[in-house]
């Protein structure tokens, strides 16, 4: 995948741009539900945007844009014929982005005290950057092709969880709205 004509440099800057664009998309997505919750024909958007201030609902801010970015990478790099090689890097990108985002978000106040919006935006951007870097580290590896069923299962699981837990969230702290103490919609 890498050649001597600057592919790596172009990819690096494209990935930096992707982090910035995904972060901007995430910021915009964060406030959508407050504006559309009372409009019946737009309630389907709950599947794609956070419906409350729980840690879990914020997975949508990174997961859907990262998944769209990964699909763009699939199309750009060969399309359907390379789908088996795509599932594992894409799943690892989405899952690892959320894990890093959640971990950094939890760790920052312990290390530095309350940081306000820096905590939220910083943890989100670090998570997205980690997801993209993870994709790049795993893509093209022989194991990606061999492990595609695992990648497909991981991708199906995160999508199913985002859909189901929007409407039927488990009543544990990860899913509790930090402001109202409620769960789900």
N, C-alpha and C. Protein backbone atom coordinates (compact mmCIF):
# COMPACT_ATOMS: atom_id res chain seq x y z
N UNK A 1 0.79 -1.20 0.00
CA UNK A 1 0.00 0.00 0.00
C UNK A 1 0.84 1.27 0.00
N UNK A 2 2.06 1.18 0.45
CA UNK A 2 2.89 2.37 0.50
C UNK A 2 3.88 2.36 -0.68
N UNK A 3 4.03 3.52 -1.29
CA UNK A 3 5.00 3.60 -2.37
C UNK A 3 5.96 4.76 -2.09
N UNK A 4 6.89 4.95 -2.98
CA UNK A 4 7.92 5.98 -2.77
C UNK A 4 7.49 7.35 -3.27
N UNK A 5 6.30 7.46 -3.79
CA UNK A 5 5.84 8.72 -4.35
C UNK A 5 5.08 9.58 -3.34
N UNK A 6 5.32 9.40 -2.07
CA UNK A 6 4.71 10.26 -1.07
C UNK A 6 3.37 9.81 -0.54
N UNK A 7 3.01 8.56 -0.77
CA UNK A 7 1.71 8.07 -0.29
C UNK A 7 1.57 8.28 1.21
N UNK A 8 2.62 7.98 1.96
CA UNK A 8 2.53 8.09 3.42
C UNK A 8 2.28 9.53 3.86
N UNK A 9 2.96 10.48 3.27
CA UNK A 9 2.76 11.88 3.64
C UNK A 9 1.35 12.34 3.30
N UNK A 10 0.87 11.97 2.11
CA UNK A 10 -0.49 12.33 1.72
C UNK A 10 -1.50 11.69 2.66
N UNK A 11 -1.28 10.44 3.00
CA UNK A 11 -2.19 9.74 3.90
C UNK A 11 -2.18 10.37 5.28
N UNK A 12 -1.00 10.73 5.77
CA UNK A 12 -0.91 11.37 7.09
C UNK A 12 -1.75 12.64 7.13
N UNK A 13 -1.58 13.51 6.15
CA UNK A 13 -2.32 14.76 6.16
C UNK A 13 -3.81 14.54 5.91
N UNK A 14 -4.14 13.55 5.11
CA UNK A 14 -5.56 13.21 4.92
C UNK A 14 -6.17 12.71 6.23
N UNK A 15 -5.39 11.95 6.99
CA UNK A 15 -5.88 11.46 8.28
C UNK A 15 -6.01 12.58 9.30
N UNK A 16 -5.09 13.52 9.29
CA UNK A 16 -5.20 14.69 10.18
C UNK A 16 -6.47 15.46 9.83
N UNK A 17 -6.71 15.66 8.54
CA UNK A 17 -7.93 16.33 8.10
C UNK A 17 -9.16 15.53 8.53
N UNK A 18 -9.10 14.21 8.43
CA UNK A 18 -10.22 13.37 8.86
C UNK A 18 -10.51 13.55 10.35
N UNK A 19 -9.47 13.63 11.17
CA UNK A 19 -9.67 13.85 12.62
C UNK A 19 -10.38 15.18 12.84
N UNK A 20 -9.95 16.22 12.14
CA UNK A 20 -10.56 17.54 12.29
C UNK A 20 -12.02 17.51 11.83
N UNK A 21 -12.28 16.91 10.67
CA UNK A 21 -13.65 16.87 10.14
C UNK A 21 -14.56 16.01 11.01
N UNK A 22 -14.07 14.86 11.46
CA UNK A 22 -14.89 14.00 12.33
C UNK A 22 -15.16 14.71 13.65
N UNK A 23 -14.18 15.43 14.16
CA UNK A 23 -14.38 16.18 15.41
C UNK A 23 -15.43 17.27 15.21
N UNK A 24 -15.38 17.94 14.08
CA UNK A 24 -16.39 18.97 13.78
C UNK A 24 -17.77 18.33 13.63
N UNK A 25 -17.83 17.19 12.95
CA UNK A 25 -19.11 16.48 12.81
C UNK A 25 -19.64 16.07 14.18
N UNK A 26 -18.76 15.54 15.01
CA UNK A 26 -19.16 15.13 16.35
C UNK A 26 -19.70 16.29 17.16
N UNK A 27 -19.04 17.44 17.06
CA UNK A 27 -19.51 18.63 17.77
C UNK A 27 -20.90 19.02 17.29
N UNK A 28 -21.11 18.98 16.00
CA UNK A 28 -22.43 19.31 15.46
C UNK A 28 -23.49 18.29 15.85
N UNK A 29 -23.12 17.02 15.82
CA UNK A 29 -24.06 15.96 16.17
C UNK A 29 -24.50 16.03 17.63
N UNK A 30 -23.63 16.56 18.47
CA UNK A 30 -23.90 16.58 19.91
C UNK A 30 -25.19 17.31 20.25
N UNK A 31 -25.52 18.32 19.49
CA UNK A 31 -26.65 19.18 19.83
C UNK A 31 -27.90 18.91 18.99
N UNK A 32 -27.84 17.94 18.11
CA UNK A 32 -28.97 17.67 17.21
C UNK A 32 -30.21 17.22 17.98
N UNK A 33 -30.05 16.27 18.91
CA UNK A 33 -31.21 15.69 19.57
C UNK A 33 -32.03 16.74 20.32
N UNK A 34 -31.39 17.69 20.95
CA UNK A 34 -32.12 18.73 21.68
C UNK A 34 -33.03 19.51 20.73
N UNK A 35 -32.65 19.62 19.49
CA UNK A 35 -33.43 20.39 18.52
C UNK A 35 -34.52 19.56 17.83
N UNK A 36 -34.33 18.24 17.72
CA UNK A 36 -35.28 17.43 16.95
C UNK A 36 -36.12 16.48 17.79
N UNK A 37 -35.86 16.37 19.08
CA UNK A 37 -36.56 15.39 19.92
C UNK A 37 -38.08 15.56 19.89
N UNK A 38 -38.55 16.77 19.75
CA UNK A 38 -40.00 17.02 19.76
C UNK A 38 -40.63 16.96 18.37
N UNK A 39 -39.85 16.68 17.35
CA UNK A 39 -40.38 16.61 15.99
C UNK A 39 -40.54 15.13 15.62
N UNK A 40 -41.78 14.63 15.59
CA UNK A 40 -42.00 13.19 15.43
C UNK A 40 -41.31 12.56 14.22
N UNK A 41 -41.33 13.21 13.08
CA UNK A 41 -40.76 12.59 11.89
C UNK A 41 -39.23 12.64 11.86
N UNK A 42 -38.59 13.25 12.86
CA UNK A 42 -37.13 13.26 12.94
C UNK A 42 -36.58 12.43 14.10
N UNK A 43 -37.46 11.72 14.79
CA UNK A 43 -37.00 10.94 15.95
C UNK A 43 -36.10 9.77 15.55
N UNK A 44 -36.10 9.37 14.30
CA UNK A 44 -35.20 8.31 13.84
C UNK A 44 -33.74 8.74 13.98
N UNK A 45 -33.49 10.04 14.05
CA UNK A 45 -32.12 10.53 14.23
C UNK A 45 -31.51 10.08 15.55
N UNK A 46 -32.35 9.63 16.48
CA UNK A 46 -31.85 9.13 17.77
C UNK A 46 -30.86 7.98 17.58
N UNK A 47 -30.97 7.27 16.48
CA UNK A 47 -30.04 6.17 16.21
C UNK A 47 -28.63 6.67 15.93
N UNK A 48 -28.50 7.92 15.52
CA UNK A 48 -27.21 8.44 15.07
C UNK A 48 -26.61 9.52 15.96
N UNK A 49 -27.39 10.11 16.83
CA UNK A 49 -26.89 11.20 17.68
C UNK A 49 -27.19 10.88 19.14
N UNK A 50 -26.40 11.44 20.06
CA UNK A 50 -26.66 11.18 21.48
C UNK A 50 -28.01 11.74 21.90
N UNK A 51 -28.77 10.93 22.64
CA UNK A 51 -30.09 11.37 23.10
C UNK A 51 -30.03 11.85 24.55
N UNK A 52 -28.88 11.70 25.19
CA UNK A 52 -28.71 12.21 26.55
C UNK A 52 -27.21 12.39 26.82
N UNK A 53 -26.88 12.73 28.04
CA UNK A 53 -25.48 13.00 28.39
C UNK A 53 -24.78 11.81 29.05
N UNK A 54 -25.19 10.60 28.69
CA UNK A 54 -24.50 9.42 29.23
C UNK A 54 -23.20 9.18 28.46
N UNK A 55 -22.28 8.52 29.11
CA UNK A 55 -21.01 8.19 28.44
C UNK A 55 -21.26 7.31 27.23
N UNK A 56 -22.21 6.38 27.34
CA UNK A 56 -22.47 5.47 26.22
C UNK A 56 -23.01 6.20 25.00
N UNK A 57 -23.96 7.10 25.19
CA UNK A 57 -24.56 7.78 24.05
C UNK A 57 -23.53 8.55 23.24
N UNK A 58 -22.45 8.95 23.88
CA UNK A 58 -21.43 9.71 23.16
C UNK A 58 -20.60 8.84 22.23
N UNK A 59 -20.78 7.52 22.30
CA UNK A 59 -20.10 6.65 21.34
C UNK A 59 -20.55 7.00 19.92
N UNK A 60 -21.79 7.44 19.78
CA UNK A 60 -22.33 7.77 18.46
C UNK A 60 -21.59 8.92 17.79
N UNK A 61 -21.07 9.84 18.60
CA UNK A 61 -20.36 11.00 18.04
C UNK A 61 -19.14 10.59 17.25
N UNK A 62 -18.48 9.54 17.68
CA UNK A 62 -17.29 9.07 16.99
C UNK A 62 -17.56 7.88 16.09
N UNK A 63 -18.44 6.99 16.53
CA UNK A 63 -18.63 5.73 15.80
C UNK A 63 -19.19 5.92 14.40
N UNK A 64 -20.27 6.67 14.27
CA UNK A 64 -20.87 6.82 12.94
C UNK A 64 -19.95 7.57 11.97
N UNK A 65 -19.35 8.70 12.37
CA UNK A 65 -18.42 9.35 11.44
C UNK A 65 -17.19 8.49 11.14
N UNK A 66 -16.67 7.76 12.13
CA UNK A 66 -15.53 6.87 11.87
C UNK A 66 -15.92 5.75 10.93
N UNK A 67 -17.12 5.23 11.11
CA UNK A 67 -17.60 4.18 10.20
C UNK A 67 -17.74 4.73 8.78
N UNK A 68 -18.26 5.95 8.65
CA UNK A 68 -18.37 6.57 7.32
C UNK A 68 -16.98 6.76 6.72
N UNK A 69 -16.01 7.20 7.52
CA UNK A 69 -14.63 7.36 7.04
C UNK A 69 -14.07 6.01 6.60
N UNK A 70 -14.32 4.96 7.38
CA UNK A 70 -13.82 3.63 7.04
C UNK A 70 -14.45 3.12 5.75
N UNK A 71 -15.74 3.40 5.55
CA UNK A 71 -16.39 3.01 4.29
C UNK A 71 -15.75 3.76 3.13
N UNK A 72 -15.45 5.03 3.33
CA UNK A 72 -14.75 5.81 2.30
C UNK A 72 -13.40 5.17 1.97
N UNK A 73 -12.68 4.71 2.99
CA UNK A 73 -11.39 4.04 2.77
C UNK A 73 -11.59 2.73 2.00
N UNK A 74 -12.67 2.01 2.30
CA UNK A 74 -12.97 0.77 1.58
C UNK A 74 -13.20 1.06 0.11
N UNK A 75 -14.04 2.04 -0.18
CA UNK A 75 -14.35 2.40 -1.57
C UNK A 75 -13.09 2.87 -2.28
N UNK A 76 -12.31 3.68 -1.60
CA UNK A 76 -11.08 4.23 -2.20
C UNK A 76 -10.04 3.15 -2.49
N UNK A 77 -10.03 2.11 -1.67
CA UNK A 77 -8.98 1.09 -1.78
C UNK A 77 -9.43 -0.20 -2.44
N UNK A 78 -10.48 -0.18 -3.21
CA UNK A 78 -10.83 -1.39 -3.95
C UNK A 78 -12.26 -1.84 -3.83
N UNK A 79 -13.00 -1.26 -2.93
CA UNK A 79 -14.41 -1.57 -2.83
C UNK A 79 -14.71 -2.96 -2.31
N UNK A 80 -15.80 -3.51 -2.80
CA UNK A 80 -16.31 -4.79 -2.29
C UNK A 80 -15.30 -5.92 -2.33
N UNK A 81 -14.43 -5.94 -3.32
CA UNK A 81 -13.47 -7.04 -3.42
C UNK A 81 -12.50 -7.07 -2.24
N UNK A 82 -12.34 -5.94 -1.55
CA UNK A 82 -11.46 -5.87 -0.40
C UNK A 82 -12.22 -5.83 0.93
N UNK A 83 -13.50 -6.13 0.91
CA UNK A 83 -14.31 -6.02 2.12
C UNK A 83 -13.80 -6.92 3.24
N UNK A 84 -13.33 -8.11 2.89
CA UNK A 84 -12.83 -9.02 3.93
C UNK A 84 -11.65 -8.41 4.67
N UNK A 85 -10.80 -7.69 3.96
CA UNK A 85 -9.64 -7.05 4.59
C UNK A 85 -10.05 -5.80 5.38
N UNK A 86 -11.24 -5.30 5.12
CA UNK A 86 -11.70 -4.05 5.71
C UNK A 86 -12.35 -4.21 7.07
N UNK A 87 -13.10 -5.29 7.28
CA UNK A 87 -13.90 -5.43 8.49
C UNK A 87 -13.09 -5.30 9.77
N UNK A 88 -11.96 -5.98 9.86
CA UNK A 88 -11.19 -5.96 11.10
C UNK A 88 -10.62 -4.58 11.39
N UNK A 89 -9.94 -3.91 10.45
CA UNK A 89 -9.46 -2.56 10.76
C UNK A 89 -10.60 -1.59 11.10
N UNK A 90 -11.72 -1.70 10.39
CA UNK A 90 -12.84 -0.79 10.66
C UNK A 90 -13.41 -1.02 12.06
N UNK A 91 -13.59 -2.28 12.43
CA UNK A 91 -14.13 -2.59 13.76
C UNK A 91 -13.17 -2.14 14.85
N UNK A 92 -11.89 -2.39 14.65
CA UNK A 92 -10.89 -1.97 15.64
C UNK A 92 -10.86 -0.45 15.76
N UNK A 93 -11.00 0.25 14.64
CA UNK A 93 -11.02 1.72 14.67
C UNK A 93 -12.17 2.23 15.53
N UNK A 94 -13.36 1.70 15.32
CA UNK A 94 -14.53 2.19 16.05
C UNK A 94 -14.46 1.80 17.53
N UNK A 95 -14.17 0.54 17.81
CA UNK A 95 -14.11 0.09 19.21
C UNK A 95 -12.98 0.78 19.97
N UNK A 96 -11.80 0.85 19.37
CA UNK A 96 -10.67 1.44 20.10
C UNK A 96 -10.87 2.94 20.30
N UNK A 97 -11.48 3.60 19.33
CA UNK A 97 -11.75 5.04 19.49
C UNK A 97 -12.61 5.27 20.72
N UNK A 98 -13.66 4.47 20.86
CA UNK A 98 -14.54 4.65 22.02
C UNK A 98 -13.82 4.32 23.32
N UNK A 99 -13.06 3.23 23.33
CA UNK A 99 -12.36 2.85 24.56
C UNK A 99 -11.35 3.93 24.98
N UNK A 100 -10.61 4.45 24.02
CA UNK A 100 -9.64 5.50 24.33
C UNK A 100 -10.36 6.78 24.75
N UNK A 101 -11.41 7.13 24.04
CA UNK A 101 -12.18 8.33 24.37
C UNK A 101 -12.71 8.24 25.81
N UNK A 102 -13.30 7.12 26.13
CA UNK A 102 -13.86 6.92 27.47
C UNK A 102 -12.77 6.93 28.54
N UNK A 103 -11.66 6.26 28.27
CA UNK A 103 -10.56 6.19 29.24
C UNK A 103 -9.92 7.55 29.48
N UNK A 104 -9.65 8.28 28.40
CA UNK A 104 -9.03 9.60 28.54
C UNK A 104 -10.00 10.55 29.26
N UNK A 105 -11.27 10.46 28.91
CA UNK A 105 -12.29 11.30 29.55
C UNK A 105 -12.32 11.05 31.06
N UNK A 106 -12.21 9.79 31.46
CA UNK A 106 -12.23 9.45 32.89
C UNK A 106 -10.92 9.80 33.58
N UNK A 107 -9.80 9.70 32.86
CA UNK A 107 -8.49 9.90 33.48
C UNK A 107 -8.10 11.37 33.62
N UNK A 108 -8.51 12.21 32.71
CA UNK A 108 -8.08 13.62 32.74
C UNK A 108 -8.36 14.33 34.06
N UNK A 109 -9.57 14.25 34.61
CA UNK A 109 -9.79 14.97 35.87
C UNK A 109 -9.00 14.38 37.04
N UNK A 110 -8.72 13.09 36.97
CA UNK A 110 -7.90 12.48 38.02
C UNK A 110 -6.47 13.00 37.96
N UNK A 111 -5.98 13.23 36.76
CA UNK A 111 -4.60 13.68 36.59
C UNK A 111 -4.45 15.19 36.74
N UNK A 112 -5.41 15.95 36.22
CA UNK A 112 -5.24 17.41 36.14
C UNK A 112 -6.33 18.23 36.81
N UNK A 113 -7.30 17.59 37.42
CA UNK A 113 -8.44 18.32 37.98
C UNK A 113 -9.46 18.59 36.89
N UNK A 114 -10.50 19.31 37.22
CA UNK A 114 -11.56 19.58 36.25
C UNK A 114 -11.04 20.52 35.16
N UNK A 115 -11.23 20.12 33.92
CA UNK A 115 -10.71 20.90 32.79
C UNK A 115 -11.81 21.49 31.91
N UNK A 116 -13.05 21.32 32.30
CA UNK A 116 -14.15 21.87 31.51
C UNK A 116 -14.25 21.22 30.14
N UNK A 117 -14.47 22.04 29.13
CA UNK A 117 -14.66 21.53 27.77
C UNK A 117 -13.41 20.88 27.20
N UNK A 118 -12.24 21.23 27.70
CA UNK A 118 -11.00 20.60 27.23
C UNK A 118 -11.09 19.09 27.43
N UNK A 119 -11.67 18.70 28.55
CA UNK A 119 -11.82 17.27 28.85
C UNK A 119 -12.68 16.58 27.79
N UNK A 120 -13.77 17.18 27.41
CA UNK A 120 -14.70 16.56 26.48
C UNK A 120 -14.16 16.57 25.05
N UNK A 121 -13.74 17.72 24.61
CA UNK A 121 -13.24 17.84 23.24
C UNK A 121 -11.92 17.11 23.08
N UNK A 122 -11.04 17.26 24.05
CA UNK A 122 -9.74 16.60 23.99
C UNK A 122 -9.85 15.09 23.97
N UNK A 123 -10.68 14.53 24.84
CA UNK A 123 -10.83 13.07 24.87
C UNK A 123 -11.46 12.57 23.57
N UNK A 124 -12.38 13.34 23.02
CA UNK A 124 -13.01 12.95 21.76
C UNK A 124 -11.98 12.94 20.62
N UNK A 125 -11.20 14.00 20.51
CA UNK A 125 -10.22 14.08 19.43
C UNK A 125 -9.13 13.03 19.57
N UNK A 126 -8.68 12.77 20.79
CA UNK A 126 -7.68 11.73 21.01
C UNK A 126 -8.25 10.37 20.62
N UNK A 127 -9.50 10.11 20.99
CA UNK A 127 -10.15 8.85 20.63
C UNK A 127 -10.27 8.67 19.13
N UNK A 128 -10.71 9.70 18.43
CA UNK A 128 -10.85 9.64 16.97
C UNK A 128 -9.49 9.43 16.31
N UNK A 129 -8.49 10.18 16.76
CA UNK A 129 -7.14 10.02 16.19
C UNK A 129 -6.62 8.60 16.43
N UNK A 130 -6.89 8.07 17.62
CA UNK A 130 -6.47 6.70 17.92
C UNK A 130 -7.20 5.70 17.02
N UNK A 131 -8.48 5.92 16.79
CA UNK A 131 -9.25 5.03 15.92
C UNK A 131 -8.68 5.01 14.51
N UNK A 132 -8.39 6.17 13.97
CA UNK A 132 -7.83 6.25 12.62
C UNK A 132 -6.44 5.62 12.57
N UNK A 133 -5.62 5.90 13.59
CA UNK A 133 -4.28 5.29 13.64
C UNK A 133 -4.38 3.77 13.76
N UNK A 134 -5.33 3.29 14.54
CA UNK A 134 -5.53 1.84 14.67
C UNK A 134 -5.91 1.22 13.34
N UNK A 135 -6.80 1.88 12.62
CA UNK A 135 -7.19 1.40 11.29
C UNK A 135 -5.96 1.27 10.41
N UNK A 136 -5.14 2.33 10.40
CA UNK A 136 -3.94 2.33 9.55
C UNK A 136 -2.95 1.24 9.96
N UNK A 137 -2.83 0.98 11.26
CA UNK A 137 -1.90 -0.05 11.73
C UNK A 137 -2.34 -1.46 11.35
N UNK A 138 -3.64 -1.67 11.31
CA UNK A 138 -4.17 -3.02 11.07
C UNK A 138 -4.44 -3.28 9.59
N UNK A 139 -4.79 -2.23 8.82
CA UNK A 139 -5.13 -2.45 7.41
C UNK A 139 -3.95 -3.05 6.66
N UNK A 140 -4.25 -3.94 5.77
CA UNK A 140 -3.22 -4.54 4.93
C UNK A 140 -2.46 -5.68 5.58
N UNK A 141 -2.68 -5.94 6.84
CA UNK A 141 -2.01 -7.05 7.51
C UNK A 141 -2.69 -8.35 7.10
N UNK A 142 -1.92 -9.42 6.96
CA UNK A 142 -2.54 -10.70 6.59
C UNK A 142 -3.63 -11.15 7.56
N UNK A 143 -3.45 -10.84 8.83
CA UNK A 143 -4.45 -11.25 9.82
C UNK A 143 -5.80 -10.57 9.59
N UNK A 144 -5.80 -9.38 9.00
CA UNK A 144 -7.05 -8.68 8.73
C UNK A 144 -7.95 -9.49 7.82
N UNK A 145 -7.34 -10.12 6.83
CA UNK A 145 -8.10 -10.94 5.90
C UNK A 145 -8.58 -12.22 6.58
N UNK A 146 -7.71 -12.83 7.36
CA UNK A 146 -8.07 -14.09 8.04
C UNK A 146 -9.11 -13.88 9.14
N UNK A 147 -9.05 -12.74 9.80
CA UNK A 147 -9.94 -12.49 10.94
C UNK A 147 -11.19 -11.70 10.56
N UNK A 148 -11.51 -11.64 9.28
CA UNK A 148 -12.65 -10.83 8.87
C UNK A 148 -13.95 -11.23 9.56
N UNK A 149 -14.21 -12.53 9.85
CA UNK A 149 -15.47 -12.82 10.55
C UNK A 149 -15.53 -12.17 11.94
N UNK A 150 -14.40 -12.13 12.63
CA UNK A 150 -14.35 -11.46 13.93
C UNK A 150 -14.60 -9.96 13.77
N UNK A 151 -13.96 -9.36 12.77
CA UNK A 151 -14.18 -7.93 12.51
C UNK A 151 -15.63 -7.64 12.16
N UNK A 152 -16.23 -8.49 11.34
CA UNK A 152 -17.63 -8.30 10.96
C UNK A 152 -18.53 -8.43 12.19
N UNK A 153 -18.23 -9.40 13.05
CA UNK A 153 -19.03 -9.58 14.27
C UNK A 153 -18.87 -8.39 15.21
N UNK A 154 -17.64 -7.88 15.33
CA UNK A 154 -17.40 -6.71 16.19
C UNK A 154 -18.15 -5.49 15.65
N UNK A 155 -18.15 -5.33 14.33
CA UNK A 155 -18.84 -4.19 13.72
C UNK A 155 -20.35 -4.34 13.89
N UNK A 156 -20.87 -5.54 13.66
CA UNK A 156 -22.30 -5.77 13.84
C UNK A 156 -22.70 -5.53 15.30
N UNK A 157 -21.84 -5.93 16.22
CA UNK A 157 -22.14 -5.76 17.65
C UNK A 157 -22.24 -4.29 18.03
N UNK A 158 -21.29 -3.47 17.59
CA UNK A 158 -21.33 -2.06 17.99
C UNK A 158 -22.53 -1.36 17.36
N UNK A 159 -22.85 -1.69 16.11
CA UNK A 159 -24.02 -1.08 15.46
C UNK A 159 -25.29 -1.52 16.18
N UNK A 160 -25.42 -2.81 16.47
CA UNK A 160 -26.61 -3.31 17.17
C UNK A 160 -26.73 -2.69 18.56
N UNK A 161 -25.60 -2.56 19.25
CA UNK A 161 -25.63 -1.97 20.59
C UNK A 161 -26.06 -0.50 20.53
N UNK A 162 -25.57 0.24 19.55
CA UNK A 162 -25.97 1.65 19.44
C UNK A 162 -27.46 1.77 19.18
N UNK A 163 -28.00 0.87 18.37
CA UNK A 163 -29.43 0.91 18.06
C UNK A 163 -30.26 0.48 19.28
N UNK A 164 -29.98 -0.70 19.81
CA UNK A 164 -30.78 -1.25 20.91
C UNK A 164 -30.68 -0.39 22.16
N UNK A 165 -29.46 0.00 22.53
CA UNK A 165 -29.28 0.74 23.78
C UNK A 165 -29.79 2.17 23.71
N UNK A 166 -30.09 2.66 22.53
CA UNK A 166 -30.74 3.97 22.42
C UNK A 166 -32.13 3.89 23.04
N UNK A 167 -32.81 2.79 22.80
CA UNK A 167 -34.19 2.63 23.25
C UNK A 167 -34.33 1.80 24.52
N UNK A 168 -33.42 0.84 24.71
CA UNK A 168 -33.50 -0.06 25.87
C UNK A 168 -32.12 -0.13 26.54
N UNK A 169 -31.70 0.94 27.20
CA UNK A 169 -30.37 0.93 27.81
C UNK A 169 -30.36 0.15 29.13
N UNK A 170 -29.28 -0.56 29.40
CA UNK A 170 -29.15 -1.20 30.71
C UNK A 170 -29.09 -0.11 31.79
N UNK A 171 -29.62 -0.39 32.94
CA UNK A 171 -29.62 0.61 34.01
C UNK A 171 -28.36 0.47 34.86
N UNK A 172 -27.24 0.86 34.24
CA UNK A 172 -25.95 0.91 34.91
C UNK A 172 -25.35 2.29 34.64
N UNK A 173 -24.38 2.72 35.42
CA UNK A 173 -23.86 4.10 35.29
C UNK A 173 -23.39 4.49 33.89
N UNK A 174 -22.85 3.58 33.12
CA UNK A 174 -22.38 3.91 31.77
C UNK A 174 -23.48 4.50 30.90
N UNK A 175 -24.73 4.10 31.16
CA UNK A 175 -25.85 4.51 30.33
C UNK A 175 -26.71 5.61 30.97
N UNK A 176 -26.33 6.07 32.15
CA UNK A 176 -27.13 7.06 32.87
C UNK A 176 -26.76 8.48 32.44
N UNK A 177 -27.78 9.27 32.14
CA UNK A 177 -27.59 10.68 31.81
C UNK A 177 -26.98 11.37 33.02
N UNK A 178 -25.82 11.99 32.83
CA UNK A 178 -25.10 12.61 33.95
C UNK A 178 -25.80 13.85 34.49
N UNK A 179 -26.76 14.38 33.76
CA UNK A 179 -27.46 15.59 34.20
C UNK A 179 -28.79 15.24 34.87
N UNK A 180 -29.59 14.38 34.21
CA UNK A 180 -30.94 14.09 34.72
C UNK A 180 -31.02 12.81 35.54
N UNK A 181 -30.04 11.92 35.39
CA UNK A 181 -30.09 10.63 36.08
C UNK A 181 -31.01 9.62 35.42
N UNK A 182 -31.48 9.94 34.21
CA UNK A 182 -32.38 9.03 33.48
C UNK A 182 -31.58 8.18 32.50
N UNK A 183 -32.28 7.27 31.84
CA UNK A 183 -31.65 6.36 30.87
C UNK A 183 -32.38 6.44 29.54
N UNK A 184 -31.63 6.42 28.44
CA UNK A 184 -32.22 6.37 27.10
C UNK A 184 -33.02 7.61 26.76
N UNK A 185 -33.97 7.41 25.85
CA UNK A 185 -34.80 8.54 25.39
C UNK A 185 -35.82 8.88 26.45
